[in-house]
């Protein structure tokens, strides 16, 4: 039975989120006005906690899938 790999995709998402946060931190050194604050409030602030919560859920699902696979192989 082929192993289910949820961690590879989760790792790519985690790295992308880190790059997004770094890029935003760099952008705000030059772009720090009402428009940038509105952009952050409307687009960044809502998705960051959702992505982090989703990554936690993927981690838990990965553990469950690995356990199920071990159980099926027994």
PDB file of N, CA and C in Angstrom:
ATOM      1  N   UNK A   1       0.846  -1.174   0.000  1.00  0.00           N
ATOM      2  CA  UNK A   1       0.000   0.000   0.000  1.00  0.00           C
ATOM      3  C   UNK A   1       0.893   1.239   0.000  1.00  0.00           C
ATOM      4  N   UNK A   2       0.552   2.179  -0.851  1.00  0.00           N
ATOM      5  CA  UNK A   2       1.321   3.412  -0.946  1.00  0.00           C
ATOM      6  C   UNK A   2       1.006   4.308   0.255  1.00  0.00           C
ATOM      7  N   UNK A   3       2.049   4.877   0.814  1.00  0.00           N
ATOM      8  CA  UNK A   3       1.881   5.769   1.967  1.00  0.00           C
ATOM      9  C   UNK A   3       1.252   7.084   1.525  1.00  0.00           C
ATOM     10  N   UNK A   4       0.416   7.598   2.370  1.00  0.00           N
ATOM     11  CA  UNK A   4      -0.216   8.894   2.127  1.00  0.00           C
ATOM     12  C   UNK A   4       0.743   9.976   2.621  1.00  0.00           C
ATOM     13  N   UNK A   5       1.063  10.933   1.760  1.00  0.00           N
ATOM     14  CA  UNK A   5       2.021  11.976   2.119  1.00  0.00           C
ATOM     15  C   UNK A   5       1.330  13.333   2.154  1.00  0.00           C
ATOM     16  N   UNK A   6       0.963  13.759   3.328  1.00  0.00           N
ATOM     17  CA  UNK A   6       0.358  15.074   3.490  1.00  0.00           C
ATOM     18  C   UNK A   6       1.407  16.122   3.845  1.00  0.00           C
ATOM     19  N   UNK A   7       2.526  15.682   4.363  1.00  0.00           N
ATOM     20  CA  UNK A   7       3.531  16.620   4.854  1.00  0.00           C
ATOM     21  C   UNK A   7       4.270  17.378   3.749  1.00  0.00           C
ATOM     22  N   UNK A   8       4.436  16.763   2.595  1.00  0.00           N
ATOM     23  CA  UNK A   8       5.149  17.468   1.512  1.00  0.00           C
ATOM     24  C   UNK A   8       4.388  18.716   1.089  1.00  0.00           C
ATOM     25  N   UNK A   9       3.105  18.569   0.854  1.00  0.00           N
ATOM     26  CA  UNK A   9       2.292  19.724   0.486  1.00  0.00           C
ATOM     27  C   UNK A   9       2.221  20.740   1.611  1.00  0.00           C
ATOM     28  N   UNK A  10       2.077  20.254   2.840  1.00  0.00           N
ATOM     29  CA  UNK A  10       2.016  21.157   3.992  1.00  0.00           C
ATOM     30  C   UNK A  10       3.318  21.929   4.130  1.00  0.00           C
ATOM     31  N   UNK A  11       4.429  21.285   3.871  1.00  0.00           N
ATOM     32  CA  UNK A  11       5.729  21.978   3.950  1.00  0.00           C
ATOM     33  C   UNK A  11       5.833  23.075   2.904  1.00  0.00           C
ATOM     34  N   UNK A  12       5.335  22.807   1.707  1.00  0.00           N
ATOM     35  CA  UNK A  12       5.357  23.841   0.666  1.00  0.00           C
ATOM     36  C   UNK A  12       4.480  25.025   1.057  1.00  0.00           C
ATOM     37  N   UNK A  13       3.325  24.739   1.623  1.00  0.00           N
ATOM     38  CA  UNK A  13       2.435  25.819   2.066  1.00  0.00           C
ATOM     39  C   UNK A  13       3.076  26.609   3.200  1.00  0.00           C
ATOM     40  N   UNK A  14       3.701  25.917   4.142  1.00  0.00           N
ATOM     41  CA  UNK A  14       4.356  26.586   5.267  1.00  0.00           C
ATOM     42  C   UNK A  14       5.470  27.508   4.778  1.00  0.00           C
ATOM     43  N   UNK A  15       6.279  27.016   3.844  1.00  0.00           N
ATOM     44  CA  UNK A  15       7.359  27.853   3.298  1.00  0.00           C
ATOM     45  C   UNK A  15       6.792  29.053   2.533  1.00  0.00           C
ATOM     46  N   UNK A  16       5.729  28.836   1.795  1.00  0.00           N
ATOM     47  CA  UNK A  16       5.107  29.941   1.059  1.00  0.00           C
ATOM     48  C   UNK A  16       4.569  30.994   2.019  1.00  0.00           C
ATOM     49  N   UNK A  17       3.969  30.557   3.109  1.00  0.00           N
ATOM     50  CA  UNK A  17       3.466  31.510   4.104  1.00  0.00           C
ATOM     51  C   UNK A  17       4.621  32.293   4.726  1.00  0.00           C
ATOM     52  N   UNK A  18       5.705  31.621   5.031  1.00  0.00           N
ATOM     53  CA  UNK A  18       6.876  32.303   5.580  1.00  0.00           C
ATOM     54  C   UNK A  18       7.412  33.338   4.594  1.00  0.00           C
ATOM     55  N   UNK A  19       7.479  32.957   3.299  1.00  0.00           N
ATOM     56  CA  UNK A  19       7.955  33.903   2.282  1.00  0.00           C
ATOM     57  C   UNK A  19       7.005  35.091   2.152  1.00  0.00           C
ATOM     58  N   UNK A  20       5.703  34.819   2.232  1.00  0.00           N
ATOM     59  CA  UNK A  20       4.720  35.902   2.166  1.00  0.00           C
ATOM     60  C   UNK A  20       4.905  36.871   3.324  1.00  0.00           C
ATOM     61  N   UNK A  21       5.069  36.327   4.526  1.00  0.00           N
ATOM     62  CA  UNK A  21       5.245  37.193   5.699  1.00  0.00           C
ATOM     63  C   UNK A  21       6.533  38.006   5.600  1.00  0.00           C
ATOM     64  N   UNK A  22       7.600  37.391   5.116  1.00  0.00           N
ATOM     65  CA  UNK A  22       8.859  38.122   4.940  1.00  0.00           C
ATOM     66  C   UNK A  22       8.728  39.199   3.867  1.00  0.00           C
ATOM     67  N   UNK A  23       8.082  38.859   2.755  1.00  0.00           N
ATOM     68  CA  UNK A  23       7.907  39.832   1.681  1.00  0.00           C
ATOM     69  C   UNK A  23       7.049  41.002   2.149  1.00  0.00           C
ATOM     70  N   UNK A  24       6.012  40.701   2.938  1.00  0.00           N
ATOM     71  CA  UNK A  24       5.164  41.778   3.430  1.00  0.00           C
ATOM     72  C   UNK A  24       5.940  42.672   4.404  1.00  0.00           C
ATOM     73  N   UNK A  25       6.723  42.063   5.266  1.00  0.00           N
ATOM     74  CA  UNK A  25       7.531  42.854   6.204  1.00  0.00           C
ATOM     75  C   UNK A  25       8.478  43.768   5.440  1.00  0.00           C
ATOM     76  N   UNK A  26       9.062  43.264   4.372  1.00  0.00           N
ATOM     77  CA  UNK A  26       9.967  44.079   3.556  1.00  0.00           C
ATOM     78  C   UNK A  26       9.190  45.181   2.829  1.00  0.00           C
ATOM     79  N   UNK A  27       8.032  44.848   2.294  1.00  0.00           N
ATOM     80  CA  UNK A  27       7.231  45.835   1.555  1.00  0.00           C
ATOM     81  C   UNK A  27       6.789  46.979   2.463  1.00  0.00           C
ATOM     82  N   UNK A  28       6.472  46.654   3.706  1.00  0.00           N
ATOM     83  CA  UNK A  28       5.967  47.706   4.591  1.00  0.00           C
ATOM     84  C   UNK A  28       7.054  48.694   5.024  1.00  0.00           C
ATOM     85  N   UNK A  29       8.316  48.375   4.763  1.00  0.00           N
ATOM     86  CA  UNK A  29       9.354  49.362   5.047  1.00  0.00           C
ATOM     87  C   UNK A  29       9.260  50.537   4.073  1.00  0.00           C
ATOM     88  N   UNK A  30       8.738  50.276   2.869  1.00  0.00           N
ATOM     89  CA  UNK A  30       8.578  51.315   1.844  1.00  0.00           C
ATOM     90  C   UNK A  30       7.125  51.742   1.673  1.00  0.00           C
ATOM     91  N   UNK A  31       6.208  50.814   1.883  1.00  0.00           N
ATOM     92  CA  UNK A  31       4.783  51.075   1.642  1.00  0.00           C
ATOM     93  C   UNK A  31       4.060  50.996   2.975  1.00  0.00           C
ATOM     94  N   UNK A  32       3.955  52.115   3.632  1.00  0.00           N
ATOM     95  CA  UNK A  32       3.344  52.150   4.955  1.00  0.00           C
ATOM     96  C   UNK A  32       2.389  53.341   5.021  1.00  0.00           C
ATOM     97  N   UNK A  33       1.231  53.147   4.396  1.00  0.00           N
ATOM     98  CA  UNK A  33       0.219  54.192   4.408  1.00  0.00           C
ATOM     99  C   UNK A  33      -1.140  53.544   4.635  1.00  0.00           C
ATOM    100  N   UNK A  34      -2.189  54.314   4.472  1.00  0.00           N
ATOM    101  CA  UNK A  34      -3.537  53.793   4.699  1.00  0.00           C
ATOM    102  C   UNK A  34      -3.865  52.651   3.739  1.00  0.00           C
ATOM    103  N   UNK A  35      -3.413  52.762   2.497  1.00  0.00           N
ATOM    104  CA  UNK A  35      -3.678  51.704   1.517  1.00  0.00           C
ATOM    105  C   UNK A  35      -2.996  50.395   1.914  1.00  0.00           C
ATOM    106  N   UNK A  36      -1.771  50.481   2.403  1.00  0.00           N
ATOM    107  CA  UNK A  36      -1.073  49.250   2.808  1.00  0.00           C
ATOM    108  C   UNK A  36      -1.732  48.633   4.033  1.00  0.00           C
ATOM    109  N   UNK A  37      -2.173  49.472   4.946  1.00  0.00           N
ATOM    110  CA  UNK A  37      -2.865  48.951   6.130  1.00  0.00           C
ATOM    111  C   UNK A  37      -4.197  48.319   5.738  1.00  0.00           C
ATOM    112  N   UNK A  38      -4.899  48.928   4.794  1.00  0.00           N
ATOM    113  CA  UNK A  38      -6.165  48.355   4.318  1.00  0.00           C
ATOM    114  C   UNK A  38      -5.917  47.025   3.615  1.00  0.00           C
ATOM    115  N   UNK A  39      -4.850  46.962   2.809  1.00  0.00           N
ATOM    116  CA  UNK A  39      -4.506  45.711   2.131  1.00  0.00           C
ATOM    117  C   UNK A  39      -4.222  44.608   3.149  1.00  0.00           C
ATOM    118  N   UNK A  40      -3.427  44.934   4.142  1.00  0.00           N
ATOM    119  CA  UNK A  40      -3.103  43.945   5.177  1.00  0.00           C
ATOM    120  C   UNK A  40      -4.363  43.499   5.905  1.00  0.00           C
ATOM    121  N   UNK A  41      -5.201  44.451   6.254  1.00  0.00           N
ATOM    122  CA  UNK A  41      -6.420  44.129   7.003  1.00  0.00           C
ATOM    123  C   UNK A  41      -7.390  43.289   6.176  1.00  0.00           C
ATOM    124  N   UNK A  42      -7.521  43.589   4.906  1.00  0.00           N
ATOM    125  CA  UNK A  42      -8.492  42.901   4.057  1.00  0.00           C
ATOM    126  C   UNK A  42      -7.982  41.578   3.499  1.00  0.00           C
ATOM    127  N   UNK A  43      -6.681  41.478   3.266  1.00  0.00           N
ATOM    128  CA  UNK A  43      -6.167  40.309   2.555  1.00  0.00           C
ATOM    129  C   UNK A  43      -5.232  39.425   3.381  1.00  0.00           C
ATOM    130  N   UNK A  44      -4.308  40.025   4.098  1.00  0.00           N
ATOM    131  CA  UNK A  44      -3.316  39.217   4.808  1.00  0.00           C
ATOM    132  C   UNK A  44      -3.808  38.731   6.159  1.00  0.00           C
ATOM    133  N   UNK A  45      -4.301  39.647   6.962  1.00  0.00           N
ATOM    134  CA  UNK A  45      -4.719  39.275   8.318  1.00  0.00           C
ATOM    135  C   UNK A  45      -5.774  38.173   8.348  1.00  0.00           C
ATOM    136  N   UNK A  46      -6.717  38.146   7.417  1.00  0.00           N
ATOM    137  CA  UNK A  46      -7.701  37.054   7.455  1.00  0.00           C
ATOM    138  C   UNK A  46      -7.126  35.683   7.081  1.00  0.00           C
ATOM    139  N   UNK A  47      -6.157  35.646   6.159  1.00  0.00           N
ATOM    140  CA  UNK A  47      -5.716  34.332   5.689  1.00  0.00           C
ATOM    141  C   UNK A  47      -4.627  33.700   6.543  1.00  0.00           C
ATOM    142  N   UNK A  48      -3.806  34.488   7.180  1.00  0.00           N
ATOM    143  CA  UNK A  48      -2.672  33.919   7.925  1.00  0.00           C
ATOM    144  C   UNK A  48      -3.131  32.961   9.025  1.00  0.00           C
ATOM    145  N   UNK A  49      -4.063  33.333   9.897  1.00  0.00           N
ATOM    146  CA  UNK A  49      -4.484  32.363  10.913  1.00  0.00           C
ATOM    147  C   UNK A  49      -5.213  31.151  10.324  1.00  0.00           C
ATOM    148  N   UNK A  50      -5.923  31.360   9.226  1.00  0.00           N
ATOM    149  CA  UNK A  50      -6.619  30.241   8.584  1.00  0.00           C
ATOM    150  C   UNK A  50      -5.600  29.239   8.040  1.00  0.00           C
ATOM    151  N   UNK A  51      -4.562  29.745   7.406  1.00  0.00           N
ATOM    152  CA  UNK A  51      -3.523  28.856   6.866  1.00  0.00           C
ATOM    153  C   UNK A  51      -2.828  28.112   8.005  1.00  0.00           C
ATOM    154  N   UNK A  52      -2.502  28.814   9.081  1.00  0.00           N
ATOM    155  CA  UNK A  52      -1.830  28.166  10.215  1.00  0.00           C
ATOM    156  C   UNK A  52      -2.724  27.103  10.851  1.00  0.00           C
ATOM    157  N   UNK A  53      -3.999  27.394  11.006  1.00  0.00           N
ATOM    158  CA  UNK A  53      -4.933  26.405  11.553  1.00  0.00           C
ATOM    159  C   UNK A  53      -5.048  25.208  10.617  1.00  0.00           C
ATOM    160  N   UNK A  54      -5.078  25.480   9.328  1.00  0.00           N
ATOM    161  CA  UNK A  54      -5.151  24.393   8.340  1.00  0.00           C
ATOM    162  C   UNK A  54      -3.904  23.515   8.387  1.00  0.00           C
ATOM    163  N   UNK A  55      -2.755  24.128   8.550  1.00  0.00           N
ATOM    164  CA  UNK A  55      -1.522  23.347   8.642  1.00  0.00           C
ATOM    165  C   UNK A  55      -1.516  22.469   9.893  1.00  0.00           C
ATOM    166  N   UNK A  56      -2.045  22.979  10.990  1.00  0.00           N
ATOM    167  CA  UNK A  56      -2.175  22.161  12.204  1.00  0.00           C
ATOM    168  C   UNK A  56      -3.102  20.973  11.940  1.00  0.00           C
ATOM    169  N   UNK A  57      -4.200  21.228  11.245  1.00  0.00           N
ATOM    170  CA  UNK A  57      -5.149  20.151  10.934  1.00  0.00           C
ATOM    171  C   UNK A  57      -4.511  19.111  10.016  1.00  0.00           C
ATOM    172  N   UNK A  58      -3.729  19.564   9.055  1.00  0.00           N
ATOM    173  CA  UNK A  58      -3.031  18.631   8.167  1.00  0.00           C
ATOM    174  C   UNK A  58      -2.068  17.762   8.972  1.00  0.00           C
ATOM    175  N   UNK A  59      -1.381  18.362   9.931  1.00  0.00           N
ATOM    176  CA  UNK A  59      -0.471  17.595  10.785  1.00  0.00           C
ATOM    177  C   UNK A  59      -1.206  16.521  11.574  1.00  0.00           C
ATOM    178  N   UNK A  60      -2.355  16.883  12.125  1.00  0.00           N
ATOM    179  CA  UNK A  60      -3.150  15.891  12.867  1.00  0.00           C
ATOM    180  C   UNK A  60      -3.678  14.802  11.927  1.00  0.00           C
ATOM    181  N   UNK A  61      -4.137  15.207  10.744  1.00  0.00           N
ATOM    182  CA  UNK A  61      -4.638  14.230   9.772  1.00  0.00           C
ATOM    183  C   UNK A  61      -3.523  13.301   9.319  1.00  0.00           C
ATOM    184  N   UNK A  62      -2.326  13.833   9.163  1.00  0.00           N
ATOM    185  CA  UNK A  62      -1.191  13.004   8.773  1.00  0.00           C
ATOM    186  C   UNK A  62      -0.932  11.925   9.822  1.00  0.00           C
ATOM    187  N   UNK A  63      -0.988  12.304  11.093  1.00  0.00           N
ATOM    188  CA  UNK A  63      -0.804  11.315  12.158  1.00  0.00           C
ATOM    189  C   UNK A  63      -1.876  10.238  12.094  1.00  0.00           C
ATOM    190  N   UNK A  64      -3.116  10.638  11.887  1.00  0.00           N
ATOM    191  CA  UNK A  64      -4.219   9.678  11.803  1.00  0.00           C
ATOM    192  C   UNK A  64      -4.063   8.757  10.598  1.00  0.00           C
ATOM    193  N   UNK A  65      -3.659   9.318   9.472  1.00  0.00           N
ATOM    194  CA  UNK A  65      -3.485   8.500   8.263  1.00  0.00           C
ATOM    195  C   UNK A  65      -2.344   7.502   8.437  1.00  0.00           C
ATOM    196  N   UNK A  66      -1.280   7.922   9.067  1.00  0.00           N
ATOM    197  CA  UNK A  66      -0.165   6.998   9.311  1.00  0.00           C
ATOM    198  C   UNK A  66      -0.581   5.873  10.259  1.00  0.00           C
ATOM    199  N   UNK A  67      -1.354   6.229  11.280  1.00  0.00           N
ATOM    200  CA  UNK A  67      -1.836   5.194  12.192  1.00  0.00           C
ATOM    201  C   UNK A  67      -2.764   4.229  11.477  1.00  0.00           C
ATOM    202  N   UNK A  68      -3.655   4.751  10.653  1.00  0.00           N
ATOM    203  CA  UNK A  68      -4.575   3.892   9.888  1.00  0.00           C
ATOM    204  C   UNK A  68      -3.797   2.973   8.955  1.00  0.00           C
ATOM    205  N   UNK A  69      -2.760   3.516   8.345  1.00  0.00           N
ATOM    206  CA  UNK A  69      -1.953   2.679   7.440  1.00  0.00           C
ATOM    207  C   UNK A  69      -1.262   1.569   8.223  1.00  0.00           C
ATOM    208  N   UNK A  70      -0.702   1.913   9.393  1.00  0.00           N
ATOM    209  CA  UNK A  70      -0.068   0.875  10.207  1.00  0.00           C
ATOM    210  C   UNK A  70      -1.090  -0.183  10.628  1.00  0.00           C
ATOM    211  N   UNK A  71      -2.283   0.272  11.005  1.00  0.00           N
ATOM    212  CA  UNK A  71      -3.336  -0.667  11.400  1.00  0.00           C
ATOM    213  C   UNK A  71      -3.730  -1.583  10.255  1.00  0.00           C
ATOM    214  N   UNK A  72      -3.784  -1.059   9.051  1.00  0.00           N
ATOM    215  CA  UNK A  72      -4.164  -1.871   7.895  1.00  0.00           C
ATOM    216  C   UNK A  72      -3.071  -2.862   7.511  1.00  0.00           C
ATOM    217  N   UNK A  73      -1.828  -2.528   7.800  1.00  0.00           N
ATOM    218  CA  UNK A  73      -0.723  -3.406   7.465  1.00  0.00           C
ATOM    219  C   UNK A  73      -0.541  -4.513   8.498  1.00  0.00           C
ATOM    220  N   UNK A  74      -1.147  -4.350   9.653  1.00  0.00           N
ATOM    221  CA  UNK A  74      -0.991  -5.349  10.728  1.00  0.00           C
ATOM    222  C   UNK A  74      -1.812  -6.586  10.464  1.00  0.00           C
TER     223      UNK A  74
END
